[in-house]
Amino acid sequence: MYRYLLLNIVVLALIGGYVLWRGRNKLSNKIFAVMAVLLLMTAVFDSVIIALNLVDYDTSHILGVYIGKAPIEDFAYTIAAAVLVPLLWEQGAKHEKE
């Protein structure tokens, strides 16, 4: 039914687990500032892409909650990237030093 929501829940739960396991103290104000900018950009650019009919969503698979023209489910990937990329980058840097 709500396939995108289920996928988002799984992905965000896995990332949440990683954050709890590896980087719960690493989430800084910088990450949240970047996340705010990325969420704004997602709202703008996804709305433009959807308005131009470059992508379309099967409404039977989304909640029907929108920010601009973008379904709310689109924003989970932005949140995931804003949290996960810096943590993985730092983890990679630690391994590189060893």
C-alpha atoms as a PDB file:
ATOM      1  CA  MET A   1       0.000   0.000   0.000  1.00  0.00           C
ATOM      2  CA  TYR A   2       2.388   2.733   1.172  1.00  0.00           C
ATOM      3  CA  ARG A   3       5.541   1.276  -0.349  1.00  0.00           C
ATOM      4  CA  TYR A   4       7.599   4.464  -0.190  1.00  0.00           C
ATOM      5  CA  LEU A   5       6.764   4.970   3.482  1.00  0.00           C
ATOM      6  CA  LEU A   6       7.743   1.397   4.330  1.00  0.00           C
ATOM      7  CA  LEU A   7      11.018   1.753   2.444  1.00  0.00           C
ATOM      8  CA  ASN A   8      11.720   5.038   4.242  1.00  0.00           C
ATOM      9  CA  ILE A   9      11.028   3.476   7.629  1.00  0.00           C
ATOM     10  CA  VAL A  10      13.436   0.627   6.926  1.00  0.00           C
ATOM     11  CA  VAL A  11      16.204   2.912   5.623  1.00  0.00           C
ATOM     12  CA  LEU A  12      15.850   5.467   8.432  1.00  0.00           C
ATOM     13  CA  ALA A  13      15.695   2.708  11.059  1.00  0.00           C
ATOM     14  CA  LEU A  14      18.947   1.224   9.746  1.00  0.00           C
ATOM     15  CA  ILE A  15      20.606   4.635   9.762  1.00  0.00           C
ATOM     16  CA  GLY A  16      19.230   5.326  13.236  1.00  0.00           C
ATOM     17  CA  GLY A  17      20.724   2.043  14.393  1.00  0.00           C
ATOM     18  CA  TYR A  18      24.079   2.992  12.901  1.00  0.00           C
ATOM     19  CA  VAL A  19      23.940   6.400  14.591  1.00  0.00           C
ATOM     20  CA  LEU A  20      23.202   4.788  17.946  1.00  0.00           C
ATOM     21  CA  TRP A  21      25.943   2.219  17.440  1.00  0.00           C
ATOM     22  CA  ARG A  22      28.684   4.469  16.081  1.00  0.00           C
ATOM     23  CA  GLY A  23      27.993   8.143  16.168  1.00  0.00           C
ATOM     24  CA  ARG A  24      25.296   9.261  18.560  1.00  0.00           C
ATOM     25  CA  ASN A  25      27.588  11.921  20.016  1.00  0.00           C
ATOM     26  CA  LYS A  26      28.775  12.996  16.571  1.00  0.00           C
ATOM     27  CA  LEU A  27      25.548  14.700  15.478  1.00  0.00           C
ATOM     28  CA  SER A  28      26.454  18.362  15.635  1.00  0.00           C
ATOM     29  CA  ASN A  29      24.717  21.622  14.878  1.00  0.00           C
ATOM     30  CA  LYS A  30      26.639  21.676  11.597  1.00  0.00           C
ATOM     31  CA  ILE A  31      24.896  18.500  10.456  1.00  0.00           C
ATOM     32  CA  PHE A  32      21.500  19.951  11.356  1.00  0.00           C
ATOM     33  CA  ALA A  33      22.304  23.215   9.531  1.00  0.00           C
ATOM     34  CA  VAL A  34      23.299  21.292   6.412  1.00  0.00           C
ATOM     35  CA  MET A  35      20.177  19.162   6.756  1.00  0.00           C
ATOM     36  CA  ALA A  36      17.984  22.292   6.841  1.00  0.00           C
ATOM     37  CA  VAL A  37      19.574  23.613   3.642  1.00  0.00           C
ATOM     38  CA  LEU A  38      19.274  20.226   1.923  1.00  0.00           C
ATOM     39  CA  LEU A  39      15.610  19.901   2.936  1.00  0.00           C
ATOM     40  CA  LEU A  40      14.865  23.336   1.486  1.00  0.00           C
ATOM     41  CA  MET A  41      16.689  22.438  -1.719  1.00  0.00           C
ATOM     42  CA  THR A  42      14.810  19.132  -1.908  1.00  0.00           C
ATOM     43  CA  ALA A  43      11.486  20.947  -1.560  1.00  0.00           C
ATOM     44  CA  VAL A  44      12.356  23.411  -4.316  1.00  0.00           C
ATOM     45  CA  PHE A  45      14.035  21.120  -6.827  1.00  0.00           C
ATOM     46  CA  ASP A  46      11.707  18.150  -6.365  1.00  0.00           C
ATOM     47  CA  SER A  47       8.737  20.472  -6.842  1.00  0.00           C
ATOM     48  CA  VAL A  48      10.257  21.797 -10.078  1.00  0.00           C
ATOM     49  CA  ILE A  49      11.036  18.298 -11.356  1.00  0.00           C
ATOM     50  CA  ILE A  50       7.510  17.131 -10.574  1.00  0.00           C
ATOM     51  CA  ALA A  51       5.937  20.280 -12.080  1.00  0.00           C
ATOM     52  CA  LEU A  52       7.870  19.629 -15.303  1.00  0.00           C
ATOM     53  CA  ASN A  53       6.451  16.068 -15.332  1.00  0.00           C
ATOM     54  CA  LEU A  54       9.916  14.535 -15.312  1.00  0.00           C
ATOM     55  CA  VAL A  55       8.830  12.228 -12.493  1.00  0.00           C
ATOM     56  CA  ASP A  56       5.474  11.112 -11.213  1.00  0.00           C
ATOM     57  CA  TYR A  57       4.348   9.135  -8.192  1.00  0.00           C
ATOM     58  CA  ASP A  58       1.703   6.468  -7.985  1.00  0.00           C
ATOM     59  CA  THR A  59      -0.623   8.081  -5.445  1.00  0.00           C
ATOM     60  CA  SER A  60      -1.682   4.688  -4.130  1.00  0.00           C
ATOM     61  CA  HIS A  61       1.854   4.230  -2.744  1.00  0.00           C
ATOM     62  CA  ILE A  62       2.310   7.575  -0.964  1.00  0.00           C
ATOM     63  CA  LEU A  63       0.672   9.179   2.048  1.00  0.00           C
ATOM     64  CA  GLY A  64      -0.583  12.197   0.125  1.00  0.00           C
ATOM     65  CA  VAL A  65       1.258  14.718   2.307  1.00  0.00           C
ATOM     66  CA  TYR A  66       3.231  17.217   0.221  1.00  0.00           C
ATOM     67  CA  ILE A  67       5.735  19.995   0.714  1.00  0.00           C
ATOM     68  CA  GLY A  68       5.317  22.029  -2.427  1.00  0.00           C
ATOM     69  CA  LYS A  69       4.705  19.365  -5.032  1.00  0.00           C
ATOM     70  CA  ALA A  70       7.074  16.870  -3.412  1.00  0.00           C
ATOM     71  CA  PRO A  71       5.603  14.002  -1.419  1.00  0.00           C
ATOM     72  CA  ILE A  72       6.815  13.857   2.163  1.00  0.00           C
ATOM     73  CA  GLU A  73       8.457  10.503   1.454  1.00  0.00           C
ATOM     74  CA  ASP A  74      11.067  12.247  -0.744  1.00  0.00           C
ATOM     75  CA  PHE A  75      12.533  13.976   2.289  1.00  0.00           C
ATOM     76  CA  ALA A  76      13.620  10.800   4.081  1.00  0.00           C
ATOM     77  CA  TYR A  77      16.520  10.360   1.670  1.00  0.00           C
ATOM     78  CA  THR A  78      17.695  13.906   2.344  1.00  0.00           C
ATOM     79  CA  ILE A  79      17.635  13.298   6.089  1.00  0.00           C
ATOM     80  CA  ALA A  80      19.428   9.987   5.639  1.00  0.00           C
ATOM     81  CA  ALA A  81      22.184  11.536   3.534  1.00  0.00           C
ATOM     82  CA  ALA A  82      22.655  14.535   5.851  1.00  0.00           C
ATOM     83  CA  VAL A  83      23.161  12.225   8.831  1.00  0.00           C
ATOM     84  CA  LEU A  84      24.881   9.226   7.313  1.00  0.00           C
ATOM     85  CA  VAL A  85      27.430  10.784   4.937  1.00  0.00           C
ATOM     86  CA  PRO A  86      29.344  12.771   7.605  1.00  0.00           C
ATOM     87  CA  LEU A  87      29.391   9.781   9.963  1.00  0.00           C
ATOM     88  CA  LEU A  88      30.674   7.433   7.264  1.00  0.00           C
ATOM     89  CA  TRP A  89      33.198  10.040   6.104  1.00  0.00           C
ATOM     90  CA  GLU A  90      34.578  10.323   9.621  1.00  0.00           C
ATOM     91  CA  GLN A  91      34.656   6.555  10.012  1.00  0.00           C
ATOM     92  CA  GLY A  92      36.567   6.241   6.740  1.00  0.00           C
ATOM     93  CA  ALA A  93      39.060   8.879   7.826  1.00  0.00           C
ATOM     94  CA  LYS A  94      39.721   6.949  11.045  1.00  0.00           C
ATOM     95  CA  HIS A  95      40.416   3.751   9.088  1.00  0.00           C
ATOM     96  CA  GLU A  96      42.664   5.586   6.661  1.00  0.00           C
ATOM     97  CA  LYS A  97      44.871   6.807   9.517  1.00  0.00           C
ATOM     98  CA  GLU A  98      45.366   3.286  10.855  1.00  0.00           C
END
